[in-house]
């Protein structure tokens, strides 16, 4: 985060892997100030590494994380995969309000077919 005009502004830097693994290299990144002077990131920032998405995707204006899989039906069927996901995360809305599972593809089509039979 950067403190600017009494506001905290989140900052996210995306650099090549070769730089990301070295705090020293990150600390040596030059920053040019409004007055033309150059300082180094390590002089003005505490660097904390964390994992995150490389982009934010949305569906119907809601943030979306997509998980896909190529399922080998000789090992496990797509329905068995969905059942395992439901067993692990079926109560995600209760545990984490605002989160939900949204199935697309063949699972969505199957759900729509079943709903049409009712």
PDB file of N, CA and C in Angstrom:
ATOM      1  N   UNK A   1       0.835  -1.176   0.000  1.00  0.00           N
ATOM      2  CA  UNK A   1       0.000   0.000   0.000  1.00  0.00           C
ATOM      3  C   UNK A   1       0.879   1.238   0.000  1.00  0.00           C
ATOM      4  N   UNK A   2       0.348   2.271  -0.588  1.00  0.00           N
ATOM      5  CA  UNK A   2       1.017   3.561  -0.603  1.00  0.00           C
ATOM      6  C   UNK A   2       0.122   4.551   0.131  1.00  0.00           C
ATOM      7  N   UNK A   3       0.700   5.321   1.027  1.00  0.00           N
ATOM      8  CA  UNK A   3      -0.045   6.396   1.683  1.00  0.00           C
ATOM      9  C   UNK A   3       0.132   7.646   0.847  1.00  0.00           C
ATOM     10  N   UNK A   4      -0.977   8.182   0.342  1.00  0.00           N
ATOM     11  CA  UNK A   4      -0.921   9.369  -0.509  1.00  0.00           C
ATOM     12  C   UNK A   4      -2.110  10.250  -0.205  1.00  0.00           C
ATOM     13  N   UNK A   5      -1.846  11.468   0.195  1.00  0.00           N
ATOM     14  CA  UNK A   5      -2.910  12.421   0.541  1.00  0.00           C
ATOM     15  C   UNK A   5      -3.905  11.827   1.537  1.00  0.00           C
ATOM     16  N   UNK A   6      -3.364  11.255   2.590  1.00  0.00           N
ATOM     17  CA  UNK A   6      -4.150  10.658   3.678  1.00  0.00           C
ATOM     18  C   UNK A   6      -5.015   9.486   3.235  1.00  0.00           C
ATOM     19  N   UNK A   7      -4.650   8.849   2.143  1.00  0.00           N
ATOM     20  CA  UNK A   7      -5.362   7.656   1.678  1.00  0.00           C
ATOM     21  C   UNK A   7      -4.354   6.529   1.503  1.00  0.00           C
ATOM     22  N   UNK A   8      -4.808   5.314   1.783  1.00  0.00           N
ATOM     23  CA  UNK A   8      -3.980   4.137   1.523  1.00  0.00           C
ATOM     24  C   UNK A   8      -4.391   3.560   0.181  1.00  0.00           C
ATOM     25  N   UNK A   9      -3.429   3.438  -0.697  1.00  0.00           N
ATOM     26  CA  UNK A   9      -3.702   2.947  -2.043  1.00  0.00           C
ATOM     27  C   UNK A   9      -2.968   1.624  -2.228  1.00  0.00           C
ATOM     28  N   UNK A  10      -3.691   0.536  -2.537  1.00  0.00           N
ATOM     29  CA  UNK A  10      -3.007  -0.734  -2.766  1.00  0.00           C
ATOM     30  C   UNK A  10      -2.171  -0.670  -4.044  1.00  0.00           C
ATOM     31  N   UNK A  11      -1.009  -1.288  -3.998  1.00  0.00           N
ATOM     32  CA  UNK A  11      -0.114  -1.313  -5.155  1.00  0.00           C
ATOM     33  C   UNK A  11       0.224  -2.760  -5.458  1.00  0.00           C
ATOM     34  N   UNK A  12       0.179  -3.097  -6.718  1.00  0.00           N
ATOM     35  CA  UNK A  12       0.535  -4.444  -7.143  1.00  0.00           C
ATOM     36  C   UNK A  12       1.551  -4.327  -8.257  1.00  0.00           C
ATOM     37  N   UNK A  13       2.706  -4.947  -8.077  1.00  0.00           N
ATOM     38  CA  UNK A  13       3.749  -4.947  -9.092  1.00  0.00           C
ATOM     39  C   UNK A  13       3.791  -6.310  -9.755  1.00  0.00           C
ATOM     40  N   UNK A  14       3.897  -6.304 -11.062  1.00  0.00           N
ATOM     41  CA  UNK A  14       4.020  -7.559 -11.797  1.00  0.00           C
ATOM     42  C   UNK A  14       5.317  -7.484 -12.587  1.00  0.00           C
ATOM     43  N   UNK A  15       6.255  -8.340 -12.224  1.00  0.00           N
ATOM     44  CA  UNK A  15       7.561  -8.366 -12.870  1.00  0.00           C
ATOM     45  C   UNK A  15       7.891  -9.795 -13.262  1.00  0.00           C
ATOM     46  N   UNK A  16       8.904  -9.970 -14.123  1.00  0.00           N
ATOM     47  CA  UNK A  16       9.307 -11.319 -14.525  1.00  0.00           C
ATOM     48  C   UNK A  16       9.717 -12.163 -13.315  1.00  0.00           C
ATOM     49  N   UNK A  17       9.585 -13.472 -13.450  1.00  0.00           N
ATOM     50  CA  UNK A  17       9.926 -14.398 -12.369  1.00  0.00           C
ATOM     51  C   UNK A  17      11.335 -14.165 -11.837  1.00  0.00           C
ATOM     52  N   UNK A  18      12.267 -13.833 -12.724  1.00  0.00           N
ATOM     53  CA  UNK A  18      13.662 -13.670 -12.310  1.00  0.00           C
ATOM     54  C   UNK A  18      13.819 -12.563 -11.269  1.00  0.00           C
ATOM     55  N   UNK A  19      12.990 -11.549 -11.324  1.00  0.00           N
ATOM     56  CA  UNK A  19      13.061 -10.451 -10.359  1.00  0.00           C
ATOM     57  C   UNK A  19      12.231 -10.766  -9.117  1.00  0.00           C
ATOM     58  N   UNK A  20      11.137 -11.461  -9.283  1.00  0.00           N
ATOM     59  CA  UNK A  20      10.214 -11.714  -8.176  1.00  0.00           C
ATOM     60  C   UNK A  20      10.843 -12.511  -7.041  1.00  0.00           C
ATOM     61  N   UNK A  21      11.788 -13.368  -7.355  1.00  0.00           N
ATOM     62  CA  UNK A  21      12.354 -14.245  -6.328  1.00  0.00           C
ATOM     63  C   UNK A  21      13.450 -13.580  -5.513  1.00  0.00           C
ATOM     64  N   UNK A  22      13.828 -12.382  -5.862  1.00  0.00           N
ATOM     65  CA  UNK A  22      14.920 -11.721  -5.165  1.00  0.00           C
ATOM     66  C   UNK A  22      14.442 -10.418  -4.535  1.00  0.00           C
ATOM     67  N   UNK A  23      14.386 -10.398  -3.198  1.00  0.00           N
ATOM     68  CA  UNK A  23      14.008  -9.154  -2.525  1.00  0.00           C
ATOM     69  C   UNK A  23      14.996  -8.048  -2.855  1.00  0.00           C
ATOM     70  N   UNK A  24      16.276  -8.396  -2.984  1.00  0.00           N
ATOM     71  CA  UNK A  24      17.288  -7.388  -3.286  1.00  0.00           C
ATOM     72  C   UNK A  24      16.972  -6.694  -4.606  1.00  0.00           C
ATOM     73  N   UNK A  25      16.627  -7.468  -5.634  1.00  0.00           N
ATOM     74  CA  UNK A  25      16.320  -6.858  -6.932  1.00  0.00           C
ATOM     75  C   UNK A  25      15.077  -5.978  -6.846  1.00  0.00           C
ATOM     76  N   UNK A  26      14.073  -6.424  -6.093  1.00  0.00           N
ATOM     77  CA  UNK A  26      12.872  -5.606  -5.921  1.00  0.00           C
ATOM     78  C   UNK A  26      13.201  -4.317  -5.173  1.00  0.00           C
ATOM     79  N   UNK A  27      14.039  -4.428  -4.163  1.00  0.00           N
ATOM     80  CA  UNK A  27      14.416  -3.241  -3.387  1.00  0.00           C
ATOM     81  C   UNK A  27      15.181  -2.231  -4.230  1.00  0.00           C
ATOM     82  N   UNK A  28      15.836  -2.684  -5.289  1.00  0.00           N
ATOM     83  CA  UNK A  28      16.645  -1.803  -6.133  1.00  0.00           C
ATOM     84  C   UNK A  28      15.864  -1.200  -7.302  1.00  0.00           C
ATOM     85  N   UNK A  29      14.556  -1.461  -7.375  1.00  0.00           N
ATOM     86  CA  UNK A  29      13.762  -0.873  -8.455  1.00  0.00           C
ATOM     87  C   UNK A  29      13.707   0.640  -8.283  1.00  0.00           C
ATOM     88  N   UNK A  30      14.083   1.403  -9.328  1.00  0.00           N
ATOM     89  CA  UNK A  30      14.089   2.861  -9.206  1.00  0.00           C
ATOM     90  C   UNK A  30      12.681   3.446  -9.325  1.00  0.00           C
ATOM     91  N   UNK A  31      12.435   4.490  -8.557  1.00  0.00           N
ATOM     92  CA  UNK A  31      11.177   5.235  -8.606  1.00  0.00           C
ATOM     93  C   UNK A  31      11.537   6.692  -8.865  1.00  0.00           C
ATOM     94  N   UNK A  32      10.953   7.267  -9.901  1.00  0.00           N
ATOM     95  CA  UNK A  32      11.199   8.675 -10.210  1.00  0.00           C
ATOM     96  C   UNK A  32      10.120   9.520  -9.549  1.00  0.00           C
ATOM     97  N   UNK A  33      10.546  10.470  -8.731  1.00  0.00           N
ATOM     98  CA  UNK A  33       9.621  11.350  -8.018  1.00  0.00           C
ATOM     99  C   UNK A  33       9.179  12.503  -8.906  1.00  0.00           C
ATOM    100  N   UNK A  34       8.149  13.212  -8.463  1.00  0.00           N
ATOM    101  CA  UNK A  34       7.628  14.358  -9.220  1.00  0.00           C
ATOM    102  C   UNK A  34       8.697  15.400  -9.520  1.00  0.00           C
ATOM    103  N   UNK A  35       9.640  15.565  -8.595  1.00  0.00           N
ATOM    104  CA  UNK A  35      10.671  16.592  -8.793  1.00  0.00           C
ATOM    105  C   UNK A  35      11.863  16.086  -9.607  1.00  0.00           C
ATOM    106  N   UNK A  36      11.767  14.851 -10.128  1.00  0.00           N
ATOM    107  CA  UNK A  36      12.822  14.315 -10.977  1.00  0.00           C
ATOM    108  C   UNK A  36      13.861  13.480 -10.249  1.00  0.00           C
ATOM    109  N   UNK A  37      13.862  13.526  -8.913  1.00  0.00           N
ATOM    110  CA  UNK A  37      14.819  12.710  -8.162  1.00  0.00           C
ATOM    111  C   UNK A  37      14.441  11.239  -8.272  1.00  0.00           C
ATOM    112  N   UNK A  38      15.442  10.380  -8.124  1.00  0.00           N
ATOM    113  CA  UNK A  38      15.218   8.943  -8.156  1.00  0.00           C
ATOM    114  C   UNK A  38      15.521   8.363  -6.782  1.00  0.00           C
ATOM    115  N   UNK A  39      14.604   7.538  -6.293  1.00  0.00           N
ATOM    116  CA  UNK A  39      14.828   6.786  -5.066  1.00  0.00           C
ATOM    117  C   UNK A  39      14.601   5.319  -5.393  1.00  0.00           C
ATOM    118  N   UNK A  40      14.878   4.448  -4.435  1.00  0.00           N
ATOM    119  CA  UNK A  40      14.700   3.023  -4.673  1.00  0.00           C
ATOM    120  C   UNK A  40      13.537   2.493  -3.836  1.00  0.00           C
ATOM    121  N   UNK A  41      12.840   1.537  -4.400  1.00  0.00           N
ATOM    122  CA  UNK A  41      11.657   0.981  -3.748  1.00  0.00           C
ATOM    123  C   UNK A  41      11.963   0.532  -2.324  1.00  0.00           C
ATOM    124  N   UNK A  42      13.091  -0.117  -2.121  1.00  0.00           N
ATOM    125  CA  UNK A  42      13.461  -0.601  -0.792  1.00  0.00           C
ATOM    126  C   UNK A  42      13.667   0.499   0.229  1.00  0.00           C
ATOM    127  N   UNK A  43      13.924   1.725  -0.232  1.00  0.00           N
ATOM    128  CA  UNK A  43      14.107   2.849   0.690  1.00  0.00           C
ATOM    129  C   UNK A  43      12.786   3.369   1.247  1.00  0.00           C
ATOM    130  N   UNK A  44      11.701   3.109   0.553  1.00  0.00           N
ATOM    131  CA  UNK A  44      10.414   3.688   0.954  1.00  0.00           C
ATOM    132  C   UNK A  44       9.311   2.657   1.166  1.00  0.00           C
ATOM    133  N   UNK A  45       9.628   1.377   0.978  1.00  0.00           N
ATOM    134  CA  UNK A  45       8.572   0.367   1.061  1.00  0.00           C
ATOM    135  C   UNK A  45       9.057  -0.883   1.773  1.00  0.00           C
ATOM    136  N   UNK A  46       8.125  -1.521   2.467  1.00  0.00           N
ATOM    137  CA  UNK A  46       8.366  -2.842   3.022  1.00  0.00           C
ATOM    138  C   UNK A  46       7.813  -3.825   1.998  1.00  0.00           C
ATOM    139  N   UNK A  47       8.642  -4.712   1.520  1.00  0.00           N
ATOM    140  CA  UNK A  47       8.224  -5.624   0.455  1.00  0.00           C
ATOM    141  C   UNK A  47       7.723  -6.920   1.065  1.00  0.00           C
ATOM    142  N   UNK A  48       6.482  -7.256   0.751  1.00  0.00           N
ATOM    143  CA  UNK A  48       5.877  -8.503   1.196  1.00  0.00           C
ATOM    144  C   UNK A  48       5.410  -9.264  -0.026  1.00  0.00           C
ATOM    145  N   UNK A  49       5.799 -10.510  -0.107  1.00  0.00           N
ATOM    146  CA  UNK A  49       5.381 -11.335  -1.239  1.00  0.00           C
ATOM    147  C   UNK A  49       4.099 -12.069  -0.878  1.00  0.00           C
ATOM    148  N   UNK A  50       3.213 -12.172  -1.850  1.00  0.00           N
ATOM    149  CA  UNK A  50       1.994 -12.947  -1.669  1.00  0.00           C
ATOM    150  C   UNK A  50       1.562 -13.485  -3.019  1.00  0.00           C
ATOM    151  N   UNK A  51       0.746 -14.492  -2.972  1.00  0.00           N
ATOM    152  CA  UNK A  51       0.225 -15.075  -4.205  1.00  0.00           C
ATOM    153  C   UNK A  51      -1.051 -14.349  -4.582  1.00  0.00           C
ATOM    154  N   UNK A  52      -1.308 -14.284  -5.855  1.00  0.00           N
ATOM    155  CA  UNK A  52      -2.530 -13.635  -6.300  1.00  0.00           C
ATOM    156  C   UNK A  52      -2.817 -13.966  -7.750  1.00  0.00           C
ATOM    157  N   UNK A  53      -3.928 -13.482  -8.232  1.00  0.00           N
ATOM    158  CA  UNK A  53      -4.309 -13.691  -9.616  1.00  0.00           C
ATOM    159  C   UNK A  53      -3.570 -12.708 -10.499  1.00  0.00           C
ATOM    160  N   UNK A  54      -3.277 -13.125 -11.732  1.00  0.00           N
ATOM    161  CA  UNK A  54      -2.610 -12.204 -12.652  1.00  0.00           C
ATOM    162  C   UNK A  54      -3.610 -11.276 -13.333  1.00  0.00           C
ATOM    163  N   UNK A  55      -4.892 -11.557 -13.165  1.00  0.00           N
ATOM    164  CA  UNK A  55      -5.929 -10.664 -13.674  1.00  0.00           C
ATOM    165  C   UNK A  55      -7.217 -10.940 -12.901  1.00  0.00           C
ATOM    166  N   UNK A  56      -8.124 -10.002 -12.945  1.00  0.00           N
ATOM    167  CA  UNK A  56      -9.418 -10.166 -12.286  1.00  0.00           C
ATOM    168  C   UNK A  56     -10.468 -10.337 -13.367  1.00  0.00           C
ATOM    169  N   UNK A  57     -11.160 -11.463 -13.317  1.00  0.00           N
ATOM    170  CA  UNK A  57     -12.201 -11.731 -14.305  1.00  0.00           C
ATOM    171  C   UNK A  57     -13.551 -11.543 -13.642  1.00  0.00           C
ATOM    172  N   UNK A  58     -14.532 -11.206 -14.460  1.00  0.00           N
ATOM    173  CA  UNK A  58     -15.879 -10.969 -13.943  1.00  0.00           C
ATOM    174  C   UNK A  58     -16.909 -11.661 -14.829  1.00  0.00           C
ATOM    175  N   UNK A  59     -18.019 -12.024 -14.196  1.00  0.00           N
ATOM    176  CA  UNK A  59     -19.182 -12.573 -14.901  1.00  0.00           C
ATOM    177  C   UNK A  59     -20.383 -11.905 -14.254  1.00  0.00           C
ATOM    178  N   UNK A  60     -21.194 -11.247 -15.055  1.00  0.00           N
ATOM    179  CA  UNK A  60     -22.347 -10.502 -14.537  1.00  0.00           C
ATOM    180  C   UNK A  60     -21.916  -9.552 -13.414  1.00  0.00           C
ATOM    181  N   UNK A  61     -20.805  -8.886 -13.615  1.00  0.00           N
ATOM    182  CA  UNK A  61     -20.241  -7.873 -12.716  1.00  0.00           C
ATOM    183  C   UNK A  61     -19.750  -8.431 -11.384  1.00  0.00           C
ATOM    184  N   UNK A  62     -19.651  -9.749 -11.234  1.00  0.00           N
ATOM    185  CA  UNK A  62     -19.119 -10.356 -10.017  1.00  0.00           C
ATOM    186  C   UNK A  62     -17.743 -10.929 -10.311  1.00  0.00           C
ATOM    187  N   UNK A  63     -16.834 -10.822  -9.331  1.00  0.00           N
ATOM    188  CA  UNK A  63     -15.498 -11.393  -9.499  1.00  0.00           C
ATOM    189  C   UNK A  63     -15.615 -12.899  -9.661  1.00  0.00           C
ATOM    190  N   UNK A  64     -14.738 -13.445 -10.481  1.00  0.00           N
ATOM    191  CA  UNK A  64     -14.842 -14.845 -10.851  1.00  0.00           C
ATOM    192  C   UNK A  64     -13.466 -15.491 -10.859  1.00  0.00           C
ATOM    193  N   UNK A  65     -13.355 -16.641 -10.233  1.00  0.00           N
ATOM    194  CA  UNK A  65     -12.161 -17.475 -10.343  1.00  0.00           C
ATOM    195  C   UNK A  65     -12.592 -18.745 -11.059  1.00  0.00           C
ATOM    196  N   UNK A  66     -11.937 -19.073 -12.139  1.00  0.00           N
ATOM    197  CA  UNK A  66     -12.324 -20.218 -12.955  1.00  0.00           C
ATOM    198  C   UNK A  66     -11.403 -21.398 -12.680  1.00  0.00           C
ATOM    199  N   UNK A  67     -12.010 -22.551 -12.467  1.00  0.00           N
ATOM    200  CA  UNK A  67     -11.256 -23.789 -12.289  1.00  0.00           C
ATOM    201  C   UNK A  67     -11.712 -24.737 -13.381  1.00  0.00           C
ATOM    202  N   UNK A  68     -10.774 -25.246 -14.151  1.00  0.00           N
ATOM    203  CA  UNK A  68     -11.109 -26.184 -15.221  1.00  0.00           C
ATOM    204  C   UNK A  68     -10.319 -27.472 -15.027  1.00  0.00           C
ATOM    205  N   UNK A  69     -10.798 -28.523 -15.660  1.00  0.00           N
ATOM    206  CA  UNK A  69     -10.099 -29.804 -15.568  1.00  0.00           C
ATOM    207  C   UNK A  69     -10.403 -30.642 -16.795  1.00  0.00           C
ATOM    208  N   UNK A  70      -9.404 -31.360 -17.240  1.00  0.00           N
ATOM    209  CA  UNK A  70      -9.594 -32.393 -18.252  1.00  0.00           C
ATOM    210  C   UNK A  70      -9.655 -33.706 -17.487  1.00  0.00           C
ATOM    211  N   UNK A  71     -10.816 -34.320 -17.494  1.00  0.00           N
ATOM    212  CA  UNK A  71     -11.039 -35.511 -16.681  1.00  0.00           C
ATOM    213  C   UNK A  71     -10.832 -36.760 -17.522  1.00  0.00           C
ATOM    214  N   UNK A  72     -10.022 -37.674 -17.017  1.00  0.00           N
ATOM    215  CA  UNK A  72      -9.818 -38.971 -17.664  1.00  0.00           C
ATOM    216  C   UNK A  72     -10.873 -39.919 -17.105  1.00  0.00           C
ATOM    217  N   UNK A  73     -11.897 -40.217 -17.906  1.00  0.00           N
ATOM    218  CA  UNK A  73     -13.025 -41.041 -17.455  1.00  0.00           C
ATOM    219  C   UNK A  73     -12.598 -42.453 -17.072  1.00  0.00           C
ATOM    220  N   UNK A  74     -11.402 -42.882 -17.476  1.00  0.00           N
ATOM    221  CA  UNK A  74     -10.902 -44.194 -17.056  1.00  0.00           C
ATOM    222  C   UNK A  74     -10.458 -44.174 -15.594  1.00  0.00           C
ATOM    223  N   UNK A  75     -10.213 -42.989 -15.065  1.00  0.00           N
ATOM    224  CA  UNK A  75      -9.768 -42.850 -13.678  1.00  0.00           C
ATOM    225  C   UNK A  75     -10.915 -42.382 -12.785  1.00  0.00           C
ATOM    226  N   UNK A  76     -11.624 -41.361 -13.225  1.00  0.00           N
ATOM    227  CA  UNK A  76     -12.748 -40.802 -12.468  1.00  0.00           C
ATOM    228  C   UNK A  76     -13.689 -40.130 -13.463  1.00  0.00           C
ATOM    229  N   UNK A  77     -14.977 -40.253 -13.228  1.00  0.00           N
ATOM    230  CA  UNK A  77     -15.937 -39.645 -14.156  1.00  0.00           C
ATOM    231  C   UNK A  77     -16.152 -38.173 -13.798  1.00  0.00           C
ATOM    232  N   UNK A  78     -16.621 -37.379 -14.755  1.00  0.00           N
ATOM    233  CA  UNK A  78     -16.928 -35.980 -14.439  1.00  0.00           C
ATOM    234  C   UNK A  78     -17.929 -35.841 -13.289  1.00  0.00           C
ATOM    235  N   UNK A  79     -18.923 -36.723 -13.234  1.00  0.00           N
ATOM    236  CA  UNK A  79     -19.898 -36.661 -12.136  1.00  0.00           C
ATOM    237  C   UNK A  79     -19.242 -36.923 -10.785  1.00  0.00           C
ATOM    238  N   UNK A  80     -18.292 -37.851 -10.747  1.00  0.00           N
ATOM    239  CA  UNK A  80     -17.587 -38.131  -9.491  1.00  0.00           C
ATOM    240  C   UNK A  80     -16.754 -36.924  -9.053  1.00  0.00           C
ATOM    241  N   UNK A  81     -16.152 -36.235 -10.025  1.00  0.00           N
ATOM    242  CA  UNK A  81     -15.384 -35.026  -9.709  1.00  0.00           C
ATOM    243  C   UNK A  81     -16.307 -33.978  -9.100  1.00  0.00           C
ATOM    244  N   UNK A  82     -17.457 -33.760  -9.732  1.00  0.00           N
ATOM    245  CA  UNK A  82     -18.419 -32.774  -9.228  1.00  0.00           C
ATOM    246  C   UNK A  82     -18.886 -33.164  -7.830  1.00  0.00           C
ATOM    247  N   UNK A  83     -19.138 -34.446  -7.598  1.00  0.00           N
ATOM    248  CA  UNK A  83     -19.567 -34.901  -6.272  1.00  0.00           C
ATOM    249  C   UNK A  83     -18.503 -34.614  -5.216  1.00  0.00           C
ATOM    250  N   UNK A  84     -17.234 -34.808  -5.568  1.00  0.00           N
ATOM    251  CA  UNK A  84     -16.144 -34.519  -4.629  1.00  0.00           C
ATOM    252  C   UNK A  84     -16.051 -33.017  -4.347  1.00  0.00           C
ATOM    253  N   UNK A  85     -16.230 -32.206  -5.379  1.00  0.00           N
ATOM    254  CA  UNK A  85     -16.212 -30.751  -5.189  1.00  0.00           C
ATOM    255  C   UNK A  85     -17.375 -30.332  -4.300  1.00  0.00           C
ATOM    256  N   UNK A  86     -18.560 -30.883  -4.572  1.00  0.00           N
ATOM    257  CA  UNK A  86     -19.731 -30.558  -3.746  1.00  0.00           C
ATOM    258  C   UNK A  86     -19.525 -30.984  -2.293  1.00  0.00           C
ATOM    259  N   UNK A  87     -18.899 -32.146  -2.082  1.00  0.00           N
ATOM    260  CA  UNK A  87     -18.657 -32.618  -0.718  1.00  0.00           C
ATOM    261  C   UNK A  87     -17.705 -31.681   0.025  1.00  0.00           C
ATOM    262  N   UNK A  88     -16.716 -31.173  -0.679  1.00  0.00           N
ATOM    263  CA  UNK A  88     -15.722 -30.301  -0.039  1.00  0.00           C
ATOM    264  C   UNK A  88     -16.189 -28.857   0.078  1.00  0.00           C
ATOM    265  N   UNK A  89     -16.946 -28.385  -0.916  1.00  0.00           N
ATOM    266  CA  UNK A  89     -17.277 -26.958  -0.976  1.00  0.00           C
ATOM    267  C   UNK A  89     -18.768 -26.659  -1.101  1.00  0.00           C
ATOM    268  N   UNK A  90     -19.611 -27.658  -0.958  1.00  0.00           N
ATOM    269  CA  UNK A  90     -21.045 -27.447  -1.132  1.00  0.00           C
ATOM    270  C   UNK A  90     -21.646 -26.433  -0.178  1.00  0.00           C
ATOM    271  N   UNK A  91     -21.018 -26.267   0.987  1.00  0.00           N
ATOM    272  CA  UNK A  91     -21.525 -25.311   1.978  1.00  0.00           C
ATOM    273  C   UNK A  91     -20.730 -24.005   1.966  1.00  0.00           C
ATOM    274  N   UNK A  92     -20.106 -23.702   0.854  1.00  0.00           N
ATOM    275  CA  UNK A  92     -19.227 -22.526   0.783  1.00  0.00           C
ATOM    276  C   UNK A  92     -19.962 -21.227   1.094  1.00  0.00           C
ATOM    277  N   UNK A  93     -21.235 -21.130   0.714  1.00  0.00           N
ATOM    278  CA  UNK A  93     -21.991 -19.897   0.983  1.00  0.00           C
ATOM    279  C   UNK A  93     -22.214 -19.693   2.480  1.00  0.00           C
ATOM    280  N   UNK A  94     -22.379 -20.780   3.214  1.00  0.00           N
ATOM    281  CA  UNK A  94     -22.557 -20.666   4.662  1.00  0.00           C
ATOM    282  C   UNK A  94     -21.231 -20.326   5.339  1.00  0.00           C
ATOM    283  N   UNK A  95     -20.160 -20.965   4.886  1.00  0.00           N
ATOM    284  CA  UNK A  95     -18.844 -20.724   5.499  1.00  0.00           C
ATOM    285  C   UNK A  95     -18.256 -19.381   5.106  1.00  0.00           C
ATOM    286  N   UNK A  96     -18.471 -18.983   3.861  1.00  0.00           N
ATOM    287  CA  UNK A  96     -17.893 -17.745   3.334  1.00  0.00           C
ATOM    288  C   UNK A  96     -18.972 -16.970   2.583  1.00  0.00           C
ATOM    289  N   UNK A  97     -19.773 -16.187   3.288  1.00  0.00           N
ATOM    290  CA  UNK A  97     -20.843 -15.431   2.621  1.00  0.00           C
ATOM    291  C   UNK A  97     -20.288 -14.598   1.464  1.00  0.00           C
ATOM    292  N   UNK A  98     -21.017 -14.632   0.362  1.00  0.00           N
ATOM    293  CA  UNK A  98     -20.579 -13.896  -0.826  1.00  0.00           C
ATOM    294  C   UNK A  98     -19.892 -14.782  -1.850  1.00  0.00           C
ATOM    295  N   UNK A  99     -19.487 -15.989  -1.427  1.00  0.00           N
ATOM    296  CA  UNK A  99     -18.864 -16.931  -2.353  1.00  0.00           C
ATOM    297  C   UNK A  99     -19.887 -17.984  -2.748  1.00  0.00           C
ATOM    298  N   UNK A 100     -19.754 -18.490  -3.971  1.00  0.00           N
ATOM    299  CA  UNK A 100     -20.635 -19.570  -4.409  1.00  0.00           C
ATOM    300  C   UNK A 100     -19.962 -20.345  -5.526  1.00  0.00           C
ATOM    301  N   UNK A 101     -20.441 -21.553  -5.736  1.00  0.00           N
ATOM    302  CA  UNK A 101     -19.975 -22.377  -6.849  1.00  0.00           C
ATOM    303  C   UNK A 101     -20.922 -22.180  -8.017  1.00  0.00           C
ATOM    304  N   UNK A 102     -20.369 -22.033  -9.188  1.00  0.00           N
ATOM    305  CA  UNK A 102     -21.164 -21.875 -10.397  1.00  0.00           C
ATOM    306  C   UNK A 102     -20.619 -22.861 -11.413  1.00  0.00           C
ATOM    307  N   UNK A 103     -21.424 -23.848 -11.757  1.00  0.00           N
ATOM    308  CA  UNK A 103     -20.985 -24.849 -12.724  1.00  0.00           C
ATOM    309  C   UNK A 103     -21.363 -24.417 -14.127  1.00  0.00           C
ATOM    310  N   UNK A 104     -20.428 -24.580 -15.040  1.00  0.00           N
ATOM    311  CA  UNK A 104     -20.669 -24.297 -16.452  1.00  0.00           C
ATOM    312  C   UNK A 104     -20.414 -25.576 -17.242  1.00  0.00           C
ATOM    313  N   UNK A 105     -20.613 -25.517 -18.521  1.00  0.00           N
ATOM    314  CA  UNK A 105     -20.336 -26.673 -19.372  1.00  0.00           C
ATOM    315  C   UNK A 105     -21.351 -27.773 -19.189  1.00  0.00           C
ATOM    316  N   UNK A 106     -20.869 -29.031 -19.195  1.00  0.00           N
ATOM    317  CA  UNK A 106     -21.776 -30.179 -19.159  1.00  0.00           C
ATOM    318  C   UNK A 106     -22.569 -30.247 -17.856  1.00  0.00           C
ATOM    319  N   UNK A 107     -21.987 -29.829 -16.741  1.00  0.00           N
ATOM    320  CA  UNK A 107     -22.714 -29.843 -15.464  1.00  0.00           C
ATOM    321  C   UNK A 107     -23.872 -28.843 -15.504  1.00  0.00           C
ATOM    322  N   UNK A 108     -23.640 -27.664 -16.083  1.00  0.00           N
ATOM    323  CA  UNK A 108     -24.702 -26.658 -16.193  1.00  0.00           C
ATOM    324  C   UNK A 108     -25.828 -27.193 -17.076  1.00  0.00           C
ATOM    325  N   UNK A 109     -25.466 -27.813 -18.192  1.00  0.00           N
ATOM    326  CA  UNK A 109     -26.471 -28.361 -19.105  1.00  0.00           C
ATOM    327  C   UNK A 109     -27.284 -29.451 -18.424  1.00  0.00           C
ATOM    328  N   UNK A 110     -26.624 -30.305 -17.650  1.00  0.00           N
ATOM    329  CA  UNK A 110     -27.330 -31.373 -16.941  1.00  0.00           C
ATOM    330  C   UNK A 110     -28.293 -30.787 -15.910  1.00  0.00           C
ATOM    331  N   UNK A 111     -27.844 -29.772 -15.171  1.00  0.00           N
ATOM    332  CA  UNK A 111     -28.719 -29.127 -14.182  1.00  0.00           C
ATOM    333  C   UNK A 111     -29.933 -28.498 -14.848  1.00  0.00           C
ATOM    334  N   UNK A 112     -29.725 -27.863 -16.004  1.00  0.00           N
ATOM    335  CA  UNK A 112     -30.836 -27.242 -16.723  1.00  0.00           C
ATOM    336  C   UNK A 112     -31.809 -28.293 -17.239  1.00  0.00           C
ATOM    337  N   UNK A 113     -31.299 -29.436 -17.692  1.00  0.00           N
ATOM    338  CA  UNK A 113     -32.165 -30.518 -18.171  1.00  0.00           C
ATOM    339  C   UNK A 113     -33.023 -31.067 -17.040  1.00  0.00           C
ATOM    340  N   UNK A 114     -32.404 -31.263 -15.876  1.00  0.00           N
ATOM    341  CA  UNK A 114     -33.140 -31.778 -14.717  1.00  0.00           C
ATOM    342  C   UNK A 114     -34.198 -30.771 -14.280  1.00  0.00           C
ATOM    343  N   UNK A 115     -33.843 -29.485 -14.272  1.00  0.00           N
ATOM    344  CA  UNK A 115     -34.802 -28.444 -13.880  1.00  0.00           C
ATOM    345  C   UNK A 115     -35.970 -28.396 -14.853  1.00  0.00           C
ATOM    346  N   UNK A 116     -35.723 -28.667 -16.127  1.00  0.00           N
ATOM    347  CA  UNK A 116     -36.774 -28.649 -17.134  1.00  0.00           C
ATOM    348  C   UNK A 116     -37.749 -29.800 -16.993  1.00  0.00           C
ATOM    349  N   UNK A 117     -37.335 -30.886 -16.342  1.00  0.00           N
ATOM    350  CA  UNK A 117     -38.194 -32.049 -16.152  1.00  0.00           C
ATOM    351  C   UNK A 117     -39.161 -31.858 -14.995  1.00  0.00           C
ATOM    352  N   UNK A 118     -38.891 -30.898 -14.125  1.00  0.00           N
ATOM    353  CA  UNK A 118     -39.739 -30.714 -12.932  1.00  0.00           C
ATOM    354  C   UNK A 118     -40.994 -29.979 -13.263  1.00  0.00           C
TER     355      UNK A 118
END
